PDB file of N, CA and C in Angstrom:
ATOM      1  N   MET A   1     119.448  97.896 131.922  1.00  0.00           N
ATOM      2  CA  MET A   1     118.472  98.272 131.088  1.00  0.00           C
ATOM      3  C   MET A   1     117.263  98.732 131.608  1.00  0.00           C
ATOM      4  N   GLU A   2     116.355  99.509 130.784  1.00  0.00           N
ATOM      5  CA  GLU A   2     115.401  99.528 131.189  1.00  0.00           C
ATOM      6  C   GLU A   2     113.968  98.693 130.784  1.00  0.00           C
ATOM      7  N   ASN A   3     113.197  98.689 131.793  1.00  0.00           N
ATOM      8  CA  ASN A   3     111.688  97.964 131.476  1.00  0.00           C
ATOM      9  C   ASN A   3     111.669  97.829 130.229  1.00  0.00           C
ATOM     10  N   GLU A   4     111.119  98.964 129.695  1.00  0.00           N
ATOM     11  CA  GLU A   4     110.711  98.907 128.292  1.00  0.00           C
ATOM     12  C   GLU A   4     111.393  97.918 127.276  1.00  0.00           C
ATOM     13  N   SER A   5     112.983  98.400 127.395  1.00  0.00           N
ATOM     14  CA  SER A   5     113.695  97.525 126.234  1.00  0.00           C
ATOM     15  C   SER A   5     113.351  96.030 126.624  1.00  0.00           C
ATOM     16  N   MET A   6     113.608  95.488 127.880  1.00  0.00           N
ATOM     17  CA  MET A   6     113.164  94.083 128.298  1.00  0.00           C
ATOM     18  C   MET A   6     111.842  93.571 127.754  1.00  0.00           C
ATOM     19  N   LYS A   7     110.771  94.553 127.763  1.00  0.00           N
ATOM     20  CA  LYS A   7     109.340  94.105 126.965  1.00  0.00           C
ATOM     21  C   LYS A   7     109.921  93.876 125.488  1.00  0.00           C
ATOM     22  N   LEU A   8     110.573  94.604 125.064  1.00  0.00           N
ATOM     23  CA  LEU A   8     110.656  94.694 123.686  1.00  0.00           C
ATOM     24  C   LEU A   8     111.635  93.156 123.466  1.00  0.00           C
ATOM     25  N   VAL A   9     112.638  93.137 124.438  1.00  0.00           N
ATOM     26  CA  VAL A   9     113.682  91.991 124.174  1.00  0.00           C
ATOM     27  C   VAL A   9     112.735  90.689 124.185  1.00  0.00           C
ATOM     28  N   GLU A  10     111.542  90.812 125.085  1.00  0.00           N
ATOM     29  CA  GLU A  10     110.980  89.710 125.358  1.00  0.00           C
ATOM     30  C   GLU A  10     110.066  89.348 124.056  1.00  0.00           C
ATOM     31  N   LEU A  11     109.576  90.344 123.598  1.00  0.00           N
ATOM     32  CA  LEU A  11     108.339  89.971 122.218  1.00  0.00           C
ATOM     33  C   LEU A  11     109.381  89.645 121.249  1.00  0.00           C
ATOM     34  N   VAL A  12     110.750  90.235 120.918  1.00  0.00           N
ATOM     35  CA  VAL A  12     111.669  89.397 119.777  1.00  0.00           C
ATOM     36  C   VAL A  12     112.007  88.160 119.939  1.00  0.00           C
ATOM     37  N   VAL A  13     112.357  87.780 121.028  1.00  0.00           N
ATOM     38  CA  VAL A  13     112.898  86.394 121.503  1.00  0.00           C
ATOM     39  C   VAL A  13     111.851  85.260 121.489  1.00  0.00           C
ATOM     40  N   LYS A  14     110.817  85.433 121.702  1.00  0.00           N
ATOM     41  CA  LYS A  14     109.378  84.915 121.703  1.00  0.00           C
ATOM     42  C   LYS A  14     109.249  84.903 120.048  1.00  0.00           C
ATOM     43  N   ALA A  15     108.807  85.623 119.497  1.00  0.00           N
ATOM     44  CA  ALA A  15     108.484  85.686 118.175  1.00  0.00           C
ATOM     45  C   ALA A  15     109.611  85.115 117.297  1.00  0.00           C
ATOM     46  N   ALA A  16     110.706  85.211 117.227  1.00  0.00           N
ATOM     47  CA  ALA A  16     111.852  84.040 116.817  1.00  0.00           C
ATOM     48  C   ALA A  16     111.984  82.740 117.148  1.00  0.00           C
ATOM     49  N   ASP A  17     111.822  82.497 118.686  1.00  0.00           N
ATOM     50  CA  ASP A  17     111.735  81.558 118.829  1.00  0.00           C
ATOM     51  C   ASP A  17     110.340  80.614 118.221  1.00  0.00           C
ATOM     52  N   ASP A  18     109.447  81.278 118.074  1.00  0.00           N
ATOM     53  CA  ASP A  18     108.060  80.699 117.197  1.00  0.00           C
ATOM     54  C   ASP A  18     108.602  80.104 115.976  1.00  0.00           C
ATOM     55  N   LYS A  19     109.463  80.765 115.331  1.00  0.00           N
ATOM     56  CA  LYS A  19     109.740  80.684 113.925  1.00  0.00           C
ATOM     57  C   LYS A  19     111.365  79.578 114.265  1.00  0.00           C
ATOM     58  N   ARG A  20     111.464  79.317 115.518  1.00  0.00           N
ATOM     59  CA  ARG A  20     112.750  78.137 115.347  1.00  0.00           C
ATOM     60  C   ARG A  20     113.924  78.730 115.274  1.00  0.00           C
ATOM     61  N   ALA A  21     114.565  80.110 115.276  1.00  0.00           N
ATOM     62  CA  ALA A  21     115.669  80.435 115.272  1.00  0.00           C
ATOM     63  C   ALA A  21     116.038  79.980 116.448  1.00  0.00           C
ATOM     64  N   GLU A  22     118.011  80.081 115.761  1.00  0.00           N
ATOM     65  CA  GLU A  22     118.876  79.482 116.894  1.00  0.00           C
ATOM     66  C   GLU A  22     119.598  80.041 117.530  1.00  0.00           C
ATOM     67  N   ASP A  23     120.394  79.667 118.532  1.00  0.00           N
ATOM     68  CA  ASP A  23     121.297  80.332 119.162  1.00  0.00           C
ATOM     69  C   ASP A  23     120.838  81.710 119.706  1.00  0.00           C
ATOM     70  N   ILE A  24     119.706  81.918 120.033  1.00  0.00           N
ATOM     71  CA  ILE A  24     119.222  83.495 120.444  1.00  0.00           C
ATOM     72  C   ILE A  24     120.136  84.097 121.429  1.00  0.00           C
ATOM     73  N   ILE A  25     120.950  85.420 121.127  1.00  0.00           N
ATOM     74  CA  ILE A  25     121.360  85.663 122.633  1.00  0.00           C
ATOM     75  C   ILE A  25     121.290  87.352 122.802  1.00  0.00           C
ATOM     76  N   ALA A  26     121.325  87.738 123.777  1.00  0.00           N
ATOM     77  CA  ALA A  26     120.848  89.365 123.551  1.00  0.00           C
ATOM     78  C   ALA A  26     122.144  89.837 124.443  1.00  0.00           C
ATOM     79  N   MET A  27     122.721  90.749 123.891  1.00  0.00           N
ATOM     80  CA  MET A  27     123.520  91.678 124.747  1.00  0.00           C
ATOM     81  C   MET A  27     123.344  93.211 125.293  1.00  0.00           C
ATOM     82  N   ASP A  28     123.370  93.493 126.572  1.00  0.00           N
ATOM     83  CA  ASP A  28     123.324  94.366 127.011  1.00  0.00           C
ATOM     84  C   ASP A  28     124.303  95.586 126.335  1.00  0.00           C
ATOM     85  N   VAL A  29     124.154  96.334 125.429  1.00  0.00           N
ATOM     86  CA  VAL A  29     124.830  97.213 125.316  1.00  0.00           C
ATOM     87  C   VAL A  29     124.537  98.566 125.770  1.00  0.00           C
ATOM     88  N   SER A  30     124.051  98.711 126.713  1.00  0.00           N
ATOM     89  CA  SER A  30     123.436 100.342 126.964  1.00  0.00           C
ATOM     90  C   SER A  30     124.445 101.006 127.627  1.00  0.00           C
ATOM     91  N   LYS A  31     125.668 100.328 128.126  1.00  0.00           N
ATOM     92  CA  LYS A  31     126.703 100.739 128.517  1.00  0.00           C
ATOM     93  C   LYS A  31     127.722 101.075 127.729  1.00  0.00           C
ATOM     94  N   ILE A  32     127.891 100.387 126.850  1.00  0.00           N
ATOM     95  CA  ILE A  32     129.150 100.554 125.829  1.00  0.00           C
ATOM     96  C   ILE A  32     128.717 101.294 124.893  1.00  0.00           C
ATOM     97  N   SER A  33     127.373 101.526 124.389  1.00  0.00           N
ATOM     98  CA  SER A  33     126.961 102.154 122.790  1.00  0.00           C
ATOM     99  C   SER A  33     125.769 102.997 123.087  1.00  0.00           C
ATOM    100  N   ILE A  34     125.657 104.296 122.264  1.00  0.00           N
ATOM    101  CA  ILE A  34     124.674 104.865 122.088  1.00  0.00           C
ATOM    102  C   ILE A  34     123.798 104.514 121.119  1.00  0.00           C
ATOM    103  N   LEU A  35     124.031 103.342 120.433  1.00  0.00           N
ATOM    104  CA  LEU A  35     122.875 102.967 119.232  1.00  0.00           C
ATOM    105  C   LEU A  35     121.923 102.520 119.562  1.00  0.00           C
ATOM    106  N   ALA A  36     121.882 101.664 120.592  1.00  0.00           N
ATOM    107  CA  ALA A  36     120.511 100.619 121.385  1.00  0.00           C
ATOM    108  C   ALA A  36     121.024 100.686 122.632  1.00  0.00           C
ATOM    109  N   ASP A  37     120.253  99.747 123.463  1.00  0.00           N
ATOM    110  CA  ASP A  37     120.421  99.438 124.905  1.00  0.00           C
ATOM    111  C   ASP A  37     120.671  97.927 124.880  1.00  0.00           C
ATOM    112  N   CYS A  38     120.239  97.378 123.850  1.00  0.00           N
ATOM    113  CA  CYS A  38     120.308  95.675 123.596  1.00  0.00           C
ATOM    114  C   CYS A  38     120.409  95.688 122.137  1.00  0.00           C
ATOM    115  N   PHE A  39     121.284  94.424 121.596  1.00  0.00           N
ATOM    116  CA  PHE A  39     121.538  93.799 120.596  1.00  0.00           C
ATOM    117  C   PHE A  39     121.182  92.288 120.499  1.00  0.00           C
ATOM    118  N   ILE A  40     120.228  91.837 119.714  1.00  0.00           N
ATOM    119  CA  ILE A  40     119.801  90.532 119.974  1.00  0.00           C
ATOM    120  C   ILE A  40     120.514  89.932 118.449  1.00  0.00           C
ATOM    121  N   VAL A  41     121.126  88.612 118.600  1.00  0.00           N
ATOM    122  CA  VAL A  41     121.292  87.499 117.686  1.00  0.00           C
ATOM    123  C   VAL A  41     120.831  86.678 117.487  1.00  0.00           C
ATOM    124  N   MET A  42     120.763  86.252 116.409  1.00  0.00           N
ATOM    125  CA  MET A  42     120.015  84.822 116.232  1.00  0.00           C
ATOM    126  C   MET A  42     120.365  84.247 114.437  1.00  0.00           C
ATOM    127  N   HIS A  43     120.262  82.915 114.592  1.00  0.00           N
ATOM    128  CA  HIS A  43     120.603  82.887 113.397  1.00  0.00           C
ATOM    129  C   HIS A  43     119.367  81.478 112.417  1.00  0.00           C
ATOM    130  N   GLY A  44     119.562  81.614 111.240  1.00  0.00           N
ATOM    131  CA  GLY A  44     118.435  80.323 110.690  1.00  0.00           C
ATOM    132  C   GLY A  44     119.110  79.633 109.658  1.00  0.00           C
ATOM    133  N   ASN A  45     118.818  78.478 109.358  1.00  0.00           N
ATOM    134  CA  ASN A  45     119.497  77.531 108.632  1.00  0.00           C
ATOM    135  C   ASN A  45     119.504  77.829 106.850  1.00  0.00           C
ATOM    136  N   SER A  46     118.259  78.430 106.630  1.00  0.00           N
ATOM    137  CA  SER A  46     118.399  78.531 105.289  1.00  0.00           C
ATOM    138  C   SER A  46     117.712  80.183 105.144  1.00  0.00           C
ATOM    139  N   GLU A  47     117.673  80.520 104.194  1.00  0.00           N
ATOM    140  CA  GLU A  47     117.474  82.081 103.398  1.00  0.00           C
ATOM    141  C   GLU A  47     115.903  82.230 103.708  1.00  0.00           C
ATOM    142  N   LYS A  48     115.290  81.104 103.472  1.00  0.00           N
ATOM    143  CA  LYS A  48     113.791  80.580 103.868  1.00  0.00           C
ATOM    144  C   LYS A  48     113.464  81.265 105.088  1.00  0.00           C
ATOM    145  N   GLN A  49     114.072  80.525 106.054  1.00  0.00           N
ATOM    146  CA  GLN A  49     113.727  80.563 107.480  1.00  0.00           C
ATOM    147  C   GLN A  49     114.180  82.050 108.132  1.00  0.00           C
ATOM    148  N   VAL A  50     115.471  82.481 107.392  1.00  0.00           N
ATOM    149  CA  VAL A  50     115.946  83.754 107.952  1.00  0.00           C
ATOM    150  C   VAL A  50     114.656  84.978 107.620  1.00  0.00           C
ATOM    151  N   LYS A  51     114.517  84.957 106.723  1.00  0.00           N
ATOM    152  CA  LYS A  51     113.080  85.756 106.236  1.00  0.00           C
ATOM    153  C   LYS A  51     111.669  85.517 106.951  1.00  0.00           C
ATOM    154  N   ALA A  52     111.583  84.229 107.116  1.00  0.00           N
ATOM    155  CA  ALA A  52     110.800  83.681 107.902  1.00  0.00           C
ATOM    156  C   ALA A  52     110.549  84.330 109.271  1.00  0.00           C
ATOM    157  N   ILE A  53     111.710  84.108 110.125  1.00  0.00           N
ATOM    158  CA  ILE A  53     112.139  84.518 111.649  1.00  0.00           C
ATOM    159  C   ILE A  53     112.013  86.314 111.576  1.00  0.00           C
ATOM    160  N   SER A  54     112.522  87.045 110.558  1.00  0.00           N
ATOM    161  CA  SER A  54     112.207  88.365 110.165  1.00  0.00           C
ATOM    162  C   SER A  54     111.036  88.765 110.645  1.00  0.00           C
ATOM    163  N   GLU A  55     110.054  88.228 109.252  1.00  0.00           N
ATOM    164  CA  GLU A  55     108.887  89.128 108.993  1.00  0.00           C
ATOM    165  C   GLU A  55     108.092  88.639 110.280  1.00  0.00           C
ATOM    166  N   GLU A  56     108.347  87.207 111.141  1.00  0.00           N
ATOM    167  CA  GLU A  56     107.326  86.985 112.298  1.00  0.00           C
ATOM    168  C   GLU A  56     108.227  88.409 113.619  1.00  0.00           C
ATOM    169  N   ILE A  57     109.191  88.784 113.316  1.00  0.00           N
ATOM    170  CA  ILE A  57     109.389  89.710 114.739  1.00  0.00           C
ATOM    171  C   ILE A  57     108.815  90.948 114.041  1.00  0.00           C
ATOM    172  N   ILE A  58     109.278  91.645 113.273  1.00  0.00           N
ATOM    173  CA  ILE A  58     108.818  92.690 112.470  1.00  0.00           C
ATOM    174  C   ILE A  58     106.862  92.396 112.729  1.00  0.00           C
ATOM    175  N   ASP A  59     106.457  91.302 112.282  1.00  0.00           N
ATOM    176  CA  ASP A  59     104.588  91.362 112.460  1.00  0.00           C
ATOM    177  C   ASP A  59     104.461  91.556 114.116  1.00  0.00           C
ATOM    178  N   GLN A  60     105.207  90.915 115.085  1.00  0.00           N
ATOM    179  CA  GLN A  60     104.697  90.915 116.453  1.00  0.00           C
ATOM    180  C   GLN A  60     105.075  92.474 116.786  1.00  0.00           C
ATOM    181  N   ALA A  61     106.450  93.135 116.143  1.00  0.00           N
ATOM    182  CA  ALA A  61     106.313  94.492 116.798  1.00  0.00           C
ATOM    183  C   ALA A  61     105.517  95.740 116.633  1.00  0.00           C
ATOM    184  N   GLU A  62     105.072  94.961 115.165  1.00  0.00           N
ATOM    185  CA  GLU A  62     103.682  96.365 114.869  1.00  0.00           C
ATOM    186  C   GLU A  62     102.609  95.875 115.407  1.00  0.00           C
ATOM    187  N   LYS A  63     102.340  94.877 115.940  1.00  0.00           N
ATOM    188  CA  LYS A  63     101.092  94.237 116.113  1.00  0.00           C
ATOM    189  C   LYS A  63     101.010  95.055 117.970  1.00  0.00           C
ATOM    190  N   ALA A  64     102.342  94.872 118.653  1.00  0.00           N
ATOM    191  CA  ALA A  64     102.436  96.010 119.985  1.00  0.00           C
ATOM    192  C   ALA A  64     102.751  96.974 119.843  1.00  0.00           C
ATOM    193  N   GLY A  65     102.231  97.569 118.628  1.00  0.00           N
ATOM    194  CA  GLY A  65     102.548  99.165 118.552  1.00  0.00           C
ATOM    195  C   GLY A  65     104.235  99.604 118.709  1.00  0.00           C
ATOM    196  N   MET A  66     105.215  98.657 118.047  1.00  0.00           N
ATOM    197  CA  MET A  66     106.420  99.234 118.403  1.00  0.00           C
ATOM    198  C   MET A  66     106.621  99.812 117.143  1.00  0.00           C
ATOM    199  N   ASP A  67     107.496 101.060 117.166  1.00  0.00           N
ATOM    200  CA  ASP A  67     108.101 101.162 115.851  1.00  0.00           C
ATOM    201  C   ASP A  67     109.111 100.890 115.235  1.00  0.00           C
ATOM    202  N   VAL A  68     108.723  99.970 114.002  1.00  0.00           N
ATOM    203  CA  VAL A  68     110.018  99.307 113.042  1.00  0.00           C
ATOM    204  C   VAL A  68     110.464 100.343 112.346  1.00  0.00           C
ATOM    205  N   ARG A  69     111.647 100.670 112.934  1.00  0.00           N
ATOM    206  CA  ARG A  69     112.652 101.973 112.363  1.00  0.00           C
ATOM    207  C   ARG A  69     112.939 101.646 110.876  1.00  0.00           C
ATOM    208  N   ARG A  70     113.646 100.819 110.844  1.00  0.00           N
ATOM    209  CA  ARG A  70     114.355 100.259 109.504  1.00  0.00           C
ATOM    210  C   ARG A  70     114.388  98.916 109.569  1.00  0.00           C
ATOM    211  N   VAL A  71     114.458  98.175 108.139  1.00  0.00           N
ATOM    212  CA  VAL A  71     115.034  96.852 108.027  1.00  0.00           C
ATOM    213  C   VAL A  71     115.790  96.987 106.725  1.00  0.00           C
ATOM    214  N   GLU A  72     116.983  96.088 107.146  1.00  0.00           N
ATOM    215  CA  GLU A  72     118.128  96.381 105.872  1.00  0.00           C
ATOM    216  C   GLU A  72     118.322  94.946 105.732  1.00  0.00           C
ATOM    217  N   GLY A  73     118.469  94.424 104.593  1.00  0.00           N
ATOM    218  CA  GLY A  73     119.145  93.417 104.155  1.00  0.00           C
ATOM    219  C   GLY A  73     117.979  92.644 103.688  1.00  0.00           C
ATOM    220  N   ARG A  74     116.858  92.792 103.359  1.00  0.00           N
ATOM    221  CA  ARG A  74     115.722  91.937 102.688  1.00  0.00           C
ATOM    222  C   ARG A  74     116.192  91.226 101.884  1.00  0.00           C
ATOM    223  N   GLU A  75     116.508  92.011 100.831  1.00  0.00           N
ATOM    224  CA  GLU A  75     117.009  91.071  99.219  1.00  0.00           C
ATOM    225  C   GLU A  75     118.026  89.785  99.530  1.00  0.00           C
ATOM    226  N   SER A  76     118.915  89.838 100.382  1.00  0.00           N
ATOM    227  CA  SER A  76     119.848  88.676 100.452  1.00  0.00           C
ATOM    228  C   SER A  76     119.079  87.742 101.233  1.00  0.00           C
ATOM    229  N   SER A  77     119.062  88.090 102.356  1.00  0.00           N
ATOM    230  CA  SER A  77     118.031  87.195 103.389  1.00  0.00           C
ATOM    231  C   SER A  77     119.629  86.620 103.863  1.00  0.00           C
ATOM    232  N   LYS A  78     120.393  86.872 103.843  1.00  0.00           N
ATOM    233  CA  LYS A  78     122.008  86.403 104.704  1.00  0.00           C
ATOM    234  C   LYS A  78     121.760  86.952 105.940  1.00  0.00           C
ATOM    235  N   TRP A  79     121.995  88.646 106.299  1.00  0.00           N
ATOM    236  CA  TRP A  79     121.983  89.028 106.984  1.00  0.00           C
ATOM    237  C   TRP A  79     120.893  90.186 107.326  1.00  0.00           C
ATOM    238  N   LEU A  80     119.625  89.978 107.798  1.00  0.00           N
ATOM    239  CA  LEU A  80     118.810  91.427 108.395  1.00  0.00           C
ATOM    240  C   LEU A  80     118.849  91.559 109.277  1.00  0.00           C
ATOM    241  N   LEU A  81     119.020  93.168 109.377  1.00  0.00           N
ATOM    242  CA  LEU A  81     118.679  93.838 110.592  1.00  0.00           C
ATOM    243  C   LEU A  81     117.517  94.953 110.933  1.00  0.00           C
ATOM    244  N   ILE A  82     117.396  94.542 112.106  1.00  0.00           N
ATOM    245  CA  ILE A  82     116.072  95.234 112.202  1.00  0.00           C
ATOM    246  C   ILE A  82     115.843  96.205 113.532  1.00  0.00           C
ATOM    247  N   ASP A  83     115.854  97.617 113.110  1.00  0.00           N
ATOM    248  CA  ASP A  83     115.952  98.300 114.004  1.00  0.00           C
ATOM    249  C   ASP A  83     114.811  98.831 114.902  1.00  0.00           C
ATOM    250  N   LEU A  84     114.472  98.564 116.169  1.00  0.00           N
ATOM    251  CA  LEU A  84     113.427  98.665 116.969  1.00  0.00           C
ATOM    252  C   LEU A  84     113.757  99.816 117.948  1.00  0.00           C
ATOM    253  N   GLY A  85     114.890 100.942 117.556  1.00  0.00           N
ATOM    254  CA  GLY A  85     114.755 102.014 118.339  1.00  0.00           C
ATOM    255  C   GLY A  85     115.803 101.283 119.521  1.00  0.00           C
ATOM    256  N   GLU A  86     115.517 101.117 120.812  1.00  0.00           N
ATOM    257  CA  GLU A  86     116.220 100.717 122.163  1.00  0.00           C
ATOM    258  C   GLU A  86     116.871  98.801 121.841  1.00  0.00           C
ATOM    259  N   VAL A  87     116.228  98.775 120.561  1.00  0.00           N
ATOM    260  CA  VAL A  87     116.604  96.891 120.509  1.00  0.00           C
ATOM    261  C   VAL A  87     117.142  96.524 118.842  1.00  0.00           C
ATOM    262  N   ILE A  88     118.016  96.901 118.704  1.00  0.00           N
ATOM    263  CA  ILE A  88     118.708  96.146 117.366  1.00  0.00           C
ATOM    264  C   ILE A  88     118.331  94.652 117.389  1.00  0.00           C
ATOM    265  N   VAL A  89     118.022  94.264 115.938  1.00  0.00           N
ATOM    266  CA  VAL A  89     117.933  92.558 115.824  1.00  0.00           C
ATOM    267  C   VAL A  89     118.641  92.072 114.939  1.00  0.00           C
ATOM    268  N   HIS A  90     119.676  91.086 114.673  1.00  0.00           N
ATOM    269  CA  HIS A  90     120.422  90.859 113.655  1.00  0.00           C
ATOM    270  C   HIS A  90     119.873  89.127 113.472  1.00  0.00           C
ATOM    271  N   VAL A  91     119.588  88.970 112.437  1.00  0.00           N
ATOM    272  CA  VAL A  91     118.735  87.373 111.708  1.00  0.00           C
ATOM    273  C   VAL A  91     119.717  87.129 110.879  1.00  0.00           C
ATOM    274  N   PHE A  92     120.972  86.506 111.029  1.00  0.00           N
ATOM    275  CA  PHE A  92     122.006  85.979 110.309  1.00  0.00           C
ATOM    276  C   PHE A  92     121.561  84.446 109.350  1.00  0.00           C
ATOM    277  N   HIS A  93     121.755  84.460 108.475  1.00  0.00           N
ATOM    278  CA  HIS A  93     122.363  82.736 108.149  1.00  0.00           C
ATOM    279  C   HIS A  93     122.825  82.280 108.233  1.00  0.00           C
ATOM    280  N   TYR A  94     123.199  80.523 108.916  1.00  0.00           N
ATOM    281  CA  TYR A  94     124.093  80.492 109.614  1.00  0.00           C
ATOM    282  C   TYR A  94     125.512  80.399 109.184  1.00  0.00           C
ATOM    283  N   SER A  95     125.643  80.738 108.155  1.00  0.00           N
ATOM    284  CA  SER A  95     126.750  80.586 107.330  1.00  0.00           C
ATOM    285  C   SER A  95     127.169  81.986 107.759  1.00  0.00           C
ATOM    286  N   GLU A  96     126.832  83.260 107.582  1.00  0.00           N
ATOM    287  CA  GLU A  96     127.279  84.485 107.949  1.00  0.00           C
ATOM    288  C   GLU A  96     127.607  84.750 109.315  1.00  0.00           C
ATOM    289  N   ARG A  97     126.847  84.605 110.259  1.00  0.00           N
ATOM    290  CA  ARG A  97     126.927  84.776 111.448  1.00  0.00           C
ATOM    291  C   ARG A  97     128.272  84.070 112.008  1.00  0.00           C
ATOM    292  N   SER A  98     128.849  83.336 111.595  1.00  0.00           N
ATOM    293  CA  SER A  98     130.278  83.041 111.875  1.00  0.00           C
ATOM    294  C   SER A  98     131.225  84.063 111.338  1.00  0.00           C
ATOM    295  N   PHE A  99     130.838  84.330 110.551  1.00  0.00           N
ATOM    296  CA  PHE A  99     131.865  85.265 109.250  1.00  0.00           C
ATOM    297  C   PHE A  99     131.891  86.578 110.506  1.00  0.00           C
ATOM    298  N   TYR A 100     130.880  87.119 110.733  1.00  0.00           N
ATOM    299  CA  TYR A 100     130.728  88.330 110.988  1.00  0.00           C
ATOM    300  C   TYR A 100     130.952  88.412 112.763  1.00  0.00           C
ATOM    301  N   ASN A 101     130.625  87.404 113.297  1.00  0.00           N
ATOM    302  CA  ASN A 101     131.030  87.196 114.911  1.00  0.00           C
ATOM    303  C   ASN A 101     130.627  88.565 115.643  1.00  0.00           C
ATOM    304  N   LEU A 102     129.710  88.933 115.618  1.00  0.00           N
ATOM    305  CA  LEU A 102     129.121  89.897 116.733  1.00  0.00           C
ATOM    306  C   LEU A 102     129.129  89.860 117.789  1.00  0.00           C
ATOM    307  N   GLU A 103     128.855  88.377 118.586  1.00  0.00           N
ATOM    308  CA  GLU A 103     129.026  88.464 119.848  1.00  0.00           C
ATOM    309  C   GLU A 103     130.870  88.519 120.095  1.00  0.00           C
ATOM    310  N   LYS A 104     131.343  88.466 119.522  1.00  0.00           N
ATOM    311  CA  LYS A 104     133.258  88.860 119.805  1.00  0.00           C
ATOM    312  C   LYS A 104     133.410  90.457 119.723  1.00  0.00           C
ATOM    313  N   LEU A 105     132.919  90.784 118.674  1.00  0.00           N
ATOM    314  CA  LEU A 105     133.012  91.819 118.306  1.00  0.00           C
ATOM    315  C   LEU A 105     132.440  93.203 119.733  1.00  0.00           C
ATOM    316  N   TRP A 106     131.416  92.480 120.410  1.00  0.00           N
ATOM    317  CA  TRP A 106     130.757  93.331 121.381  1.00  0.00           C
ATOM    318  C   TRP A 106     130.698  92.609 122.713  1.00  0.00           C
ATOM    319  N   SER A 107     131.954  91.726 122.521  1.00  0.00           N
ATOM    320  CA  SER A 107     132.127  91.061 124.011  1.00  0.00           C
ATOM    321  C   SER A 107     132.137  91.437 125.404  1.00  0.00           C
ATOM    322  N   ASP A 108     132.599  92.867 125.656  1.00  0.00           N
ATOM    323  CA  ASP A 108     132.331  93.618 126.540  1.00  0.00           C
ATOM    324  C   ASP A 108     130.930  93.889 126.964  1.00  0.00           C
ATOM    325  N   ALA A 109     130.049  93.691 126.460  1.00  0.00           N
ATOM    326  CA  ALA A 109     128.538  93.918 126.659  1.00  0.00           C
ATOM    327  C   ALA A 109     127.887  92.557 127.465  1.00  0.00           C
ATOM    328  N   PRO A 110     127.440  92.311 128.617  1.00  0.00           N
ATOM    329  CA  PRO A 110     126.941  91.492 129.315  1.00  0.00           C
ATOM    330  C   PRO A 110     126.171  91.013 128.778  1.00  0.00           C
ATOM    331  N   LEU A 111     125.985  89.456 128.557  1.00  0.00           N
ATOM    332  CA  LEU A 111     124.514  88.892 128.077  1.00  0.00           C
ATOM    333  C   LEU A 111     123.105  88.929 128.832  1.00  0.00           C
ATOM    334  N   VAL A 112     122.166  88.937 128.446  1.00  0.00           N
ATOM    335  CA  VAL A 112     121.038  89.447 129.039  1.00  0.00           C
ATOM    336  C   VAL A 112     120.585  88.286 128.932  1.00  0.00           C
ATOM    337  N   ASP A 113     119.809  87.506 130.278  1.00  0.00           N
ATOM    338  CA  ASP A 113     119.424  86.415 130.840  1.00  0.00           C
ATOM    339  C   ASP A 113     117.922  86.058 129.673  1.00  0.00           C
ATOM    340  N   ILE A 114     117.701  85.123 128.920  1.00  0.00           N
ATOM    341  CA  ILE A 114     116.470  84.812 128.282  1.00  0.00           C
ATOM    342  C   ILE A 114     116.024  83.844 128.262  1.00  0.00           C
ATOM    343  N   THR A 115     116.693  83.049 129.009  1.00  0.00           N
ATOM    344  CA  THR A 115     116.068  81.497 129.678  1.00  0.00           C
ATOM    345  C   THR A 115     114.711  81.438 129.651  1.00  0.00           C
ATOM    346  N   ASN A 116     113.956  82.349 130.503  1.00  0.00           N
ATOM    347  CA  ASN A 116     112.646  82.245 130.763  1.00  0.00           C
ATOM    348  C   ASN A 116     111.695  82.764 129.861  1.00  0.00           C
ATOM    349  N   MET A 117     112.336  83.347 128.820  1.00  0.00           N
ATOM    350  CA  MET A 117     111.496  83.595 127.532  1.00  0.00           C
ATOM    351  C   MET A 117     110.799  82.923 126.305  1.00  0.00           C
ATOM    352  N   VAL A 118     112.133  81.557 126.387  1.00  0.00           N
ATOM    353  CA  VAL A 118     111.943  80.503 125.262  1.00  0.00           C
ATOM    354  C   VAL A 118     111.052  79.411 125.710  1.00  0.00           C
TER     355      VAL A 118
END
């Protein structure tokens, strides 16, 4: 994965961690998808928390001069998708995450080590 993508991953992970996002994982999809270099998946335990996590990620990305291309799911706060170009962020409500199970869907993608980012 490119260095620019890794900087963006770190920004997203730190912003999510600041709002107490749970079970944050980053998957390197650069070799199996043309959509992005990395998918980051996490969840919050309430709609309010999902919204707060998403807003913090968007705010930090904009402050860093990153292009927030699109945000989907704001109305329901059950699953928000934030398109940052090379990095796609999925912020789930706890109950929705297990239903969609993106980790299994993209299980061919190696995990990115984010332990030093939180």
